[in-house]
Amino acid sequence: MRYLVEIQHEVDVSGVDVHALERLAVRALEHEQVATPAEVSVVLADDTLVHELNRDYRDTDAPTDVLSFAQAEGEPFAPPDGAPRHLGDVVISLETARRQAQQAGIAVDDEVAHLLVHGVLHLLGYDHERPDEETIMRGREDAILGGAAHHH
């Protein structure tokens, strides 16, 4: 197993193909040619949890659609030989994703897929603070998602 993607959920995931998300996360890592072995955790959560995380770690007192927590920030030790590097966690609020999908008139699966890829790219160091960065990141997202039109 070159890439390990662990998906955890404490919420109702109806309408979401969890196995497709695993494959998509692997595809994102492959597309970005991330050194193997590597591991990503994905948490499918509700607004309450994401709100707490956003407040406690990002100083933003509001729910959001996706948060990324990169592990590489200040990791003092290398993993033991053969153990995957843990890239970090992507936390997706399914509540917000369902709302946004409804507003955009797209399937929940598509919205969650987009948020997952967005979150994984954040783990890999992409950002969208500046317009040029956003253009690059969106191009990567579109390439990984297979050119499906996703725009926030």
N, C-alpha and C. Protein backbone atom coordinates (compact mmCIF):
# COMPACT_ATOMS: atom_id res chain seq x y z
N MET A 1 0.85 -1.20 0.00
CA MET A 1 0.00 0.00 0.00
C MET A 1 0.88 1.24 0.00
N ARG A 2 0.89 1.97 -1.09
CA ARG A 2 1.78 3.13 -1.16
C ARG A 2 1.20 4.31 -0.42
N TYR A 3 -0.11 4.45 -0.55
CA TYR A 3 -0.78 5.54 0.16
C TYR A 3 -1.87 4.94 1.03
N LEU A 4 -1.94 5.43 2.25
CA LEU A 4 -2.97 4.97 3.17
C LEU A 4 -3.91 6.14 3.44
N VAL A 5 -5.18 5.93 3.17
CA VAL A 5 -6.16 6.97 3.45
C VAL A 5 -7.16 6.39 4.44
N GLU A 6 -7.24 7.03 5.59
CA GLU A 6 -8.14 6.56 6.63
C GLU A 6 -9.29 7.54 6.74
N ILE A 7 -10.51 7.04 6.54
CA ILE A 7 -11.68 7.91 6.63
C ILE A 7 -12.48 7.55 7.87
N GLN A 8 -12.66 8.55 8.70
CA GLN A 8 -13.42 8.36 9.93
C GLN A 8 -14.67 9.21 9.85
N HIS A 9 -15.76 8.69 10.40
CA HIS A 9 -16.96 9.53 10.42
C HIS A 9 -17.81 9.20 11.64
N GLU A 10 -18.30 10.26 12.25
CA GLU A 10 -19.21 10.10 13.37
C GLU A 10 -20.57 10.68 12.99
N VAL A 11 -20.77 10.90 11.73
CA VAL A 11 -22.04 11.48 11.29
C VAL A 11 -22.65 10.58 10.22
N ASP A 12 -23.90 10.85 9.92
CA ASP A 12 -24.61 10.12 8.88
C ASP A 12 -23.97 10.44 7.52
N VAL A 13 -23.46 9.41 6.86
CA VAL A 13 -22.78 9.67 5.59
C VAL A 13 -23.63 9.27 4.39
N SER A 14 -24.94 9.19 4.58
CA SER A 14 -25.79 8.80 3.46
C SER A 14 -25.62 9.80 2.32
N GLY A 15 -25.57 9.27 1.11
CA GLY A 15 -25.38 10.11 -0.06
C GLY A 15 -23.92 10.36 -0.37
N VAL A 16 -23.04 9.83 0.49
CA VAL A 16 -21.61 10.03 0.26
C VAL A 16 -20.94 8.67 0.08
N ASP A 17 -20.23 8.51 -1.03
CA ASP A 17 -19.52 7.26 -1.32
C ASP A 17 -18.14 7.32 -0.68
N VAL A 18 -18.04 6.73 0.51
CA VAL A 18 -16.80 6.83 1.29
C VAL A 18 -15.63 6.17 0.56
N HIS A 19 -15.90 5.05 -0.10
CA HIS A 19 -14.81 4.36 -0.82
C HIS A 19 -14.31 5.19 -2.00
N ALA A 20 -15.24 5.88 -2.65
CA ALA A 20 -14.84 6.77 -3.76
C ALA A 20 -13.96 7.89 -3.22
N LEU A 21 -14.27 8.37 -2.01
CA LEU A 21 -13.44 9.43 -1.41
C LEU A 21 -12.03 8.92 -1.13
N GLU A 22 -11.94 7.67 -0.64
CA GLU A 22 -10.62 7.08 -0.40
C GLU A 22 -9.81 7.05 -1.69
N ARG A 23 -10.46 6.57 -2.75
CA ARG A 23 -9.76 6.47 -4.04
C ARG A 23 -9.36 7.85 -4.54
N LEU A 24 -10.24 8.84 -4.32
CA LEU A 24 -9.96 10.20 -4.78
C LEU A 24 -8.77 10.79 -4.03
N ALA A 25 -8.70 10.55 -2.73
CA ALA A 25 -7.57 11.06 -1.95
C ALA A 25 -6.27 10.44 -2.45
N VAL A 26 -6.31 9.16 -2.75
CA VAL A 26 -5.12 8.48 -3.29
C VAL A 26 -4.74 9.09 -4.64
N ARG A 27 -5.78 9.37 -5.46
CA ARG A 27 -5.51 9.96 -6.77
C ARG A 27 -4.86 11.34 -6.62
N ALA A 28 -5.30 12.10 -5.63
CA ALA A 28 -4.71 13.42 -5.40
C ALA A 28 -3.23 13.28 -5.03
N LEU A 29 -2.92 12.32 -4.16
CA LEU A 29 -1.53 12.12 -3.73
C LEU A 29 -0.68 11.65 -4.90
N GLU A 30 -1.24 10.77 -5.72
CA GLU A 30 -0.52 10.29 -6.91
C GLU A 30 -0.28 11.44 -7.89
N HIS A 31 -1.31 12.24 -8.11
CA HIS A 31 -1.21 13.35 -9.04
C HIS A 31 -0.12 14.32 -8.62
N GLU A 32 0.00 14.53 -7.32
CA GLU A 32 1.00 15.46 -6.79
C GLU A 32 2.35 14.78 -6.53
N GLN A 33 2.42 13.51 -6.88
CA GLN A 33 3.67 12.75 -6.76
C GLN A 33 4.27 12.87 -5.36
N VAL A 34 3.40 12.69 -4.38
CA VAL A 34 3.83 12.71 -2.98
C VAL A 34 4.70 11.48 -2.71
N ALA A 35 5.81 11.69 -2.00
CA ALA A 35 6.71 10.59 -1.70
C ALA A 35 5.97 9.51 -0.90
N THR A 36 6.22 8.27 -1.27
CA THR A 36 5.56 7.15 -0.60
C THR A 36 6.49 6.53 0.43
N PRO A 37 5.98 5.80 1.43
CA PRO A 37 4.56 5.70 1.75
C PRO A 37 4.10 6.92 2.53
N ALA A 38 2.83 7.28 2.32
CA ALA A 38 2.27 8.44 3.00
C ALA A 38 0.84 8.14 3.41
N GLU A 39 0.41 8.81 4.45
CA GLU A 39 -0.91 8.55 5.01
C GLU A 39 -1.66 9.85 5.25
N VAL A 40 -2.96 9.82 4.98
CA VAL A 40 -3.83 10.97 5.22
C VAL A 40 -5.05 10.49 5.99
N SER A 41 -5.47 11.26 6.99
CA SER A 41 -6.72 10.96 7.67
C SER A 41 -7.78 11.94 7.21
N VAL A 42 -8.97 11.42 6.95
CA VAL A 42 -10.08 12.27 6.56
C VAL A 42 -11.20 12.04 7.59
N VAL A 43 -11.68 13.13 8.16
CA VAL A 43 -12.77 13.04 9.13
C VAL A 43 -14.00 13.70 8.54
N LEU A 44 -15.07 12.92 8.43
CA LEU A 44 -16.35 13.47 7.98
C LEU A 44 -17.12 13.83 9.25
N ALA A 45 -17.37 15.11 9.44
CA ALA A 45 -17.87 15.60 10.71
C ALA A 45 -19.13 16.44 10.51
N ASP A 46 -19.61 17.00 11.62
CA ASP A 46 -20.75 17.91 11.53
C ASP A 46 -20.26 19.34 11.80
N ASP A 47 -21.17 20.29 11.67
CA ASP A 47 -20.80 21.69 11.86
C ASP A 47 -20.25 21.95 13.27
N THR A 48 -20.81 21.26 14.26
CA THR A 48 -20.40 21.51 15.65
C THR A 48 -18.92 21.23 15.83
N LEU A 49 -18.47 20.06 15.36
CA LEU A 49 -17.06 19.70 15.52
C LEU A 49 -16.16 20.65 14.73
N VAL A 50 -16.54 20.91 13.49
CA VAL A 50 -15.72 21.78 12.64
C VAL A 50 -15.66 23.19 13.22
N HIS A 51 -16.77 23.64 13.76
CA HIS A 51 -16.81 24.95 14.41
C HIS A 51 -15.83 24.99 15.58
N GLU A 52 -15.84 23.94 16.41
CA GLU A 52 -14.92 23.87 17.56
C GLU A 52 -13.46 23.89 17.10
N LEU A 53 -13.16 23.08 16.10
CA LEU A 53 -11.78 23.01 15.60
C LEU A 53 -11.36 24.36 15.02
N ASN A 54 -12.27 24.98 14.27
CA ASN A 54 -11.97 26.26 13.64
C ASN A 54 -11.70 27.32 14.71
N ARG A 55 -12.50 27.29 15.78
CA ARG A 55 -12.35 28.26 16.86
C ARG A 55 -11.05 28.00 17.64
N ASP A 56 -10.80 26.72 17.95
CA ASP A 56 -9.66 26.40 18.82
C ASP A 56 -8.31 26.49 18.10
N TYR A 57 -8.30 26.16 16.81
CA TYR A 57 -7.01 26.10 16.10
C TYR A 57 -6.82 27.22 15.09
N ARG A 58 -7.91 27.83 14.66
CA ARG A 58 -7.80 28.84 13.61
C ARG A 58 -8.29 30.21 14.07
N ASP A 59 -8.72 30.30 15.34
CA ASP A 59 -9.24 31.56 15.88
C ASP A 59 -10.38 32.13 15.05
N THR A 60 -11.16 31.24 14.45
CA THR A 60 -12.32 31.69 13.69
C THR A 60 -13.55 31.04 14.30
N ASP A 61 -14.42 31.86 14.89
CA ASP A 61 -15.54 31.33 15.64
C ASP A 61 -16.74 31.08 14.73
N ALA A 62 -16.60 30.14 13.82
CA ALA A 62 -17.67 29.83 12.87
C ALA A 62 -17.43 28.45 12.28
N PRO A 63 -18.50 27.79 11.84
CA PRO A 63 -18.27 26.55 11.09
C PRO A 63 -17.71 26.88 9.72
N THR A 64 -17.15 25.90 9.05
CA THR A 64 -16.66 26.09 7.69
C THR A 64 -16.82 24.77 6.96
N ASP A 65 -16.44 24.71 5.68
CA ASP A 65 -16.69 23.47 4.96
C ASP A 65 -15.56 22.45 5.12
N VAL A 66 -14.32 22.93 5.12
CA VAL A 66 -13.20 21.98 5.23
C VAL A 66 -12.04 22.64 5.96
N LEU A 67 -11.39 21.86 6.82
CA LEU A 67 -10.18 22.31 7.53
C LEU A 67 -9.07 21.31 7.27
N SER A 68 -7.87 21.81 7.12
CA SER A 68 -6.72 20.91 6.95
C SER A 68 -5.72 21.16 8.07
N PHE A 69 -5.26 20.07 8.64
CA PHE A 69 -4.24 20.16 9.68
C PHE A 69 -3.02 19.38 9.22
N ALA A 70 -2.03 20.09 8.72
CA ALA A 70 -0.84 19.42 8.21
C ALA A 70 0.02 18.94 9.37
N GLN A 71 0.51 17.73 9.24
CA GLN A 71 1.33 17.14 10.29
C GLN A 71 2.76 17.65 10.21
N ALA A 72 3.16 18.02 9.01
CA ALA A 72 4.56 18.36 8.76
C ALA A 72 5.01 19.60 9.53
N GLU A 73 4.04 20.42 9.94
CA GLU A 73 4.40 21.62 10.67
C GLU A 73 5.13 21.24 11.95
N GLY A 74 6.43 21.43 11.96
CA GLY A 74 7.23 21.18 13.16
C GLY A 74 7.25 19.73 13.58
N GLU A 75 7.41 18.84 12.63
CA GLU A 75 7.53 17.42 13.00
C GLU A 75 9.00 17.12 13.24
N PRO A 76 9.39 16.87 14.49
CA PRO A 76 10.81 16.81 14.82
C PRO A 76 11.48 15.49 14.42
N PHE A 77 10.68 14.43 14.25
CA PHE A 77 11.33 13.14 14.01
C PHE A 77 10.83 12.51 12.72
N ALA A 78 11.69 11.74 12.08
CA ALA A 78 11.26 11.01 10.89
C ALA A 78 10.53 9.75 11.35
N PRO A 79 9.54 9.31 10.58
CA PRO A 79 8.86 8.08 10.97
C PRO A 79 9.82 6.89 10.87
N PRO A 80 9.57 5.81 11.62
CA PRO A 80 10.43 4.64 11.53
C PRO A 80 10.46 4.10 10.10
N ASP A 81 11.52 3.42 9.76
CA ASP A 81 11.68 2.89 8.40
C ASP A 81 10.45 2.11 7.96
N GLY A 82 9.94 2.45 6.79
CA GLY A 82 8.83 1.70 6.22
C GLY A 82 7.48 2.19 6.70
N ALA A 83 7.45 2.99 7.77
CA ALA A 83 6.16 3.51 8.23
C ALA A 83 5.78 4.70 7.36
N PRO A 84 4.49 4.82 7.05
CA PRO A 84 4.10 5.95 6.20
C PRO A 84 4.26 7.29 6.93
N ARG A 85 4.62 8.30 6.16
CA ARG A 85 4.61 9.67 6.69
C ARG A 85 3.17 10.08 6.83
N HIS A 86 2.81 10.59 8.00
CA HIS A 86 1.45 11.07 8.18
C HIS A 86 1.38 12.52 7.73
N LEU A 87 0.66 12.76 6.64
CA LEU A 87 0.62 14.10 6.06
C LEU A 87 -0.28 15.03 6.86
N GLY A 88 -1.28 14.46 7.52
CA GLY A 88 -2.17 15.29 8.32
C GLY A 88 -3.62 14.86 8.18
N ASP A 89 -4.49 15.73 8.65
CA ASP A 89 -5.92 15.43 8.69
C ASP A 89 -6.70 16.44 7.87
N VAL A 90 -7.69 15.94 7.16
CA VAL A 90 -8.65 16.79 6.47
C VAL A 90 -9.99 16.56 7.15
N VAL A 91 -10.58 17.65 7.68
CA VAL A 91 -11.87 17.53 8.37
C VAL A 91 -12.92 18.24 7.54
N ILE A 92 -13.93 17.49 7.12
CA ILE A 92 -14.98 18.04 6.25
C ILE A 92 -16.29 18.05 7.02
N SER A 93 -16.97 19.20 7.02
CA SER A 93 -18.30 19.24 7.60
C SER A 93 -19.31 18.78 6.56
N LEU A 94 -19.91 17.61 6.80
CA LEU A 94 -20.92 17.13 5.87
C LEU A 94 -22.16 18.02 5.90
N GLU A 95 -22.45 18.60 7.05
CA GLU A 95 -23.60 19.51 7.14
C GLU A 95 -23.43 20.68 6.18
N THR A 96 -22.28 21.32 6.26
CA THR A 96 -22.02 22.46 5.37
C THR A 96 -21.95 22.00 3.92
N ALA A 97 -21.32 20.86 3.69
CA ALA A 97 -21.22 20.33 2.31
C ALA A 97 -22.60 20.09 1.72
N ARG A 98 -23.50 19.53 2.53
CA ARG A 98 -24.86 19.27 2.03
C ARG A 98 -25.57 20.58 1.69
N ARG A 99 -25.39 21.59 2.55
CA ARG A 99 -26.00 22.90 2.29
C ARG A 99 -25.45 23.51 1.01
N GLN A 100 -24.12 23.47 0.88
CA GLN A 100 -23.48 24.09 -0.29
C GLN A 100 -23.86 23.35 -1.57
N ALA A 101 -23.97 22.04 -1.49
CA ALA A 101 -24.35 21.26 -2.67
C ALA A 101 -25.76 21.64 -3.11
N GLN A 102 -26.63 21.77 -2.12
CA GLN A 102 -28.01 22.14 -2.41
C GLN A 102 -28.08 23.52 -3.07
N GLN A 103 -27.34 24.47 -2.50
CA GLN A 103 -27.33 25.83 -3.05
C GLN A 103 -26.77 25.85 -4.47
N ALA A 104 -25.76 25.01 -4.71
CA ALA A 104 -25.11 25.02 -6.02
C ALA A 104 -25.82 24.11 -7.01
N GLY A 105 -26.79 23.34 -6.51
CA GLY A 105 -27.51 22.43 -7.38
C GLY A 105 -26.65 21.27 -7.87
N ILE A 106 -25.73 20.80 -7.02
CA ILE A 106 -24.90 19.66 -7.40
C ILE A 106 -25.06 18.54 -6.37
N ALA A 107 -24.59 17.35 -6.71
CA ALA A 107 -24.68 16.21 -5.81
C ALA A 107 -23.76 16.41 -4.61
N VAL A 108 -24.20 15.93 -3.46
CA VAL A 108 -23.39 16.02 -2.24
C VAL A 108 -22.02 15.37 -2.47
N ASP A 109 -22.03 14.22 -3.14
CA ASP A 109 -20.79 13.52 -3.46
C ASP A 109 -19.79 14.42 -4.16
N ASP A 110 -20.29 15.21 -5.11
CA ASP A 110 -19.40 16.08 -5.89
C ASP A 110 -18.82 17.18 -5.01
N GLU A 111 -19.67 17.74 -4.15
CA GLU A 111 -19.21 18.80 -3.26
C GLU A 111 -18.16 18.26 -2.29
N VAL A 112 -18.44 17.10 -1.71
CA VAL A 112 -17.50 16.51 -0.75
C VAL A 112 -16.19 16.14 -1.45
N ALA A 113 -16.30 15.64 -2.68
CA ALA A 113 -15.10 15.30 -3.45
C ALA A 113 -14.23 16.54 -3.64
N HIS A 114 -14.87 17.65 -3.98
CA HIS A 114 -14.12 18.88 -4.18
C HIS A 114 -13.46 19.34 -2.88
N LEU A 115 -14.21 19.28 -1.77
CA LEU A 115 -13.66 19.70 -0.48
C LEU A 115 -12.49 18.81 -0.07
N LEU A 116 -12.62 17.51 -0.35
CA LEU A 116 -11.55 16.58 -0.01
C LEU A 116 -10.26 16.92 -0.76
N VAL A 117 -10.38 17.11 -2.06
CA VAL A 117 -9.20 17.43 -2.87
C VAL A 117 -8.60 18.77 -2.42
N HIS A 118 -9.47 19.74 -2.16
CA HIS A 118 -9.04 21.05 -1.68
C HIS A 118 -8.25 20.87 -0.37
N GLY A 119 -8.80 20.06 0.53
CA GLY A 119 -8.15 19.83 1.82
C GLY A 119 -6.82 19.13 1.70
N VAL A 120 -6.76 18.13 0.82
CA VAL A 120 -5.50 17.39 0.63
C VAL A 120 -4.43 18.32 0.05
N LEU A 121 -4.82 19.17 -0.90
CA LEU A 121 -3.84 20.10 -1.48
C LEU A 121 -3.31 21.06 -0.42
N HIS A 122 -4.19 21.47 0.49
CA HIS A 122 -3.72 22.30 1.61
C HIS A 122 -2.66 21.56 2.43
N LEU A 123 -2.89 20.27 2.67
CA LEU A 123 -1.91 19.48 3.43
C LEU A 123 -0.56 19.48 2.72
N LEU A 124 -0.62 19.54 1.39
CA LEU A 124 0.62 19.47 0.60
C LEU A 124 1.26 20.84 0.41
N GLY A 125 0.64 21.86 1.05
CA GLY A 125 1.28 23.17 1.04
C GLY A 125 0.72 24.17 0.06
N TYR A 126 -0.35 23.79 -0.64
CA TYR A 126 -0.98 24.75 -1.54
C TYR A 126 -1.79 25.75 -0.73
N ASP A 127 -1.91 26.94 -1.27
CA ASP A 127 -2.72 27.94 -0.61
C ASP A 127 -3.45 28.77 -1.65
N HIS A 128 -4.39 29.60 -1.19
CA HIS A 128 -5.14 30.42 -2.14
C HIS A 128 -5.34 31.82 -1.57
N GLU A 129 -4.35 32.30 -0.85
CA GLU A 129 -4.43 33.66 -0.30
C GLU A 129 -4.37 34.70 -1.42
N ARG A 130 -3.53 34.43 -2.41
CA ARG A 130 -3.40 35.39 -3.51
C ARG A 130 -4.08 34.82 -4.77
N PRO A 131 -4.54 35.71 -5.66
CA PRO A 131 -5.25 35.23 -6.86
C PRO A 131 -4.43 34.25 -7.69
N ASP A 132 -3.13 34.49 -7.82
CA ASP A 132 -2.32 33.57 -8.63
C ASP A 132 -2.23 32.20 -7.96
N GLU A 133 -2.13 32.19 -6.64
CA GLU A 133 -2.10 30.92 -5.91
C GLU A 133 -3.42 30.19 -6.08
N GLU A 134 -4.51 30.96 -6.03
CA GLU A 134 -5.82 30.35 -6.15
C GLU A 134 -6.00 29.72 -7.54
N THR A 135 -5.49 30.40 -8.55
CA THR A 135 -5.58 29.88 -9.92
C THR A 135 -4.84 28.55 -10.04
N ILE A 136 -3.65 28.49 -9.45
CA ILE A 136 -2.85 27.26 -9.49
C ILE A 136 -3.57 26.14 -8.75
N MET A 137 -4.06 26.47 -7.56
CA MET A 137 -4.71 25.46 -6.74
C MET A 137 -5.97 24.94 -7.42
N ARG A 138 -6.75 25.84 -8.00
CA ARG A 138 -7.98 25.43 -8.68
C ARG A 138 -7.66 24.55 -9.89
N GLY A 139 -6.58 24.88 -10.59
CA GLY A 139 -6.17 24.06 -11.72
C GLY A 139 -5.83 22.64 -11.29
N ARG A 140 -5.13 22.53 -10.16
CA ARG A 140 -4.80 21.22 -9.59
C ARG A 140 -6.06 20.45 -9.22
N GLU A 141 -6.99 21.17 -8.57
CA GLU A 141 -8.24 20.53 -8.16
C GLU A 141 -8.98 19.98 -9.37
N ASP A 142 -9.09 20.82 -10.42
CA ASP A 142 -9.81 20.40 -11.62
C ASP A 142 -9.14 19.19 -12.27
N ALA A 143 -7.81 19.21 -12.29
CA ALA A 143 -7.08 18.09 -12.90
C ALA A 143 -7.34 16.79 -12.14
N ILE A 144 -7.31 16.88 -10.81
CA ILE A 144 -7.50 15.67 -9.99
C ILE A 144 -8.94 15.19 -10.08
N LEU A 145 -9.88 16.12 -10.10
CA LEU A 145 -11.29 15.75 -10.15
C LEU A 145 -11.72 15.35 -11.55
N GLY A 146 -10.78 15.38 -12.49
CA GLY A 146 -11.09 14.94 -13.84
C GLY A 146 -11.78 16.00 -14.66
N GLY A 147 -11.47 17.27 -14.33
CA GLY A 147 -11.99 18.34 -15.15
C GLY A 147 -13.46 18.65 -14.92
N ALA A 148 -14.06 17.99 -13.92
CA ALA A 148 -15.45 18.32 -13.60
C ALA A 148 -15.51 19.76 -13.14
N ALA A 149 -16.52 20.47 -13.57
CA ALA A 149 -16.61 21.89 -13.23
C ALA A 149 -17.05 22.08 -11.80
N HIS A 150 -16.14 22.52 -10.96
CA HIS A 150 -16.48 22.79 -9.55
C HIS A 150 -16.01 24.17 -9.24
N HIS A 151 -16.91 25.02 -8.87
CA HIS A 151 -16.45 26.36 -8.52
C HIS A 151 -17.22 26.84 -7.32
N HIS A 152 -16.49 27.38 -6.36
CA HIS A 152 -17.15 27.95 -5.19
C HIS A 152 -17.39 29.41 -5.47
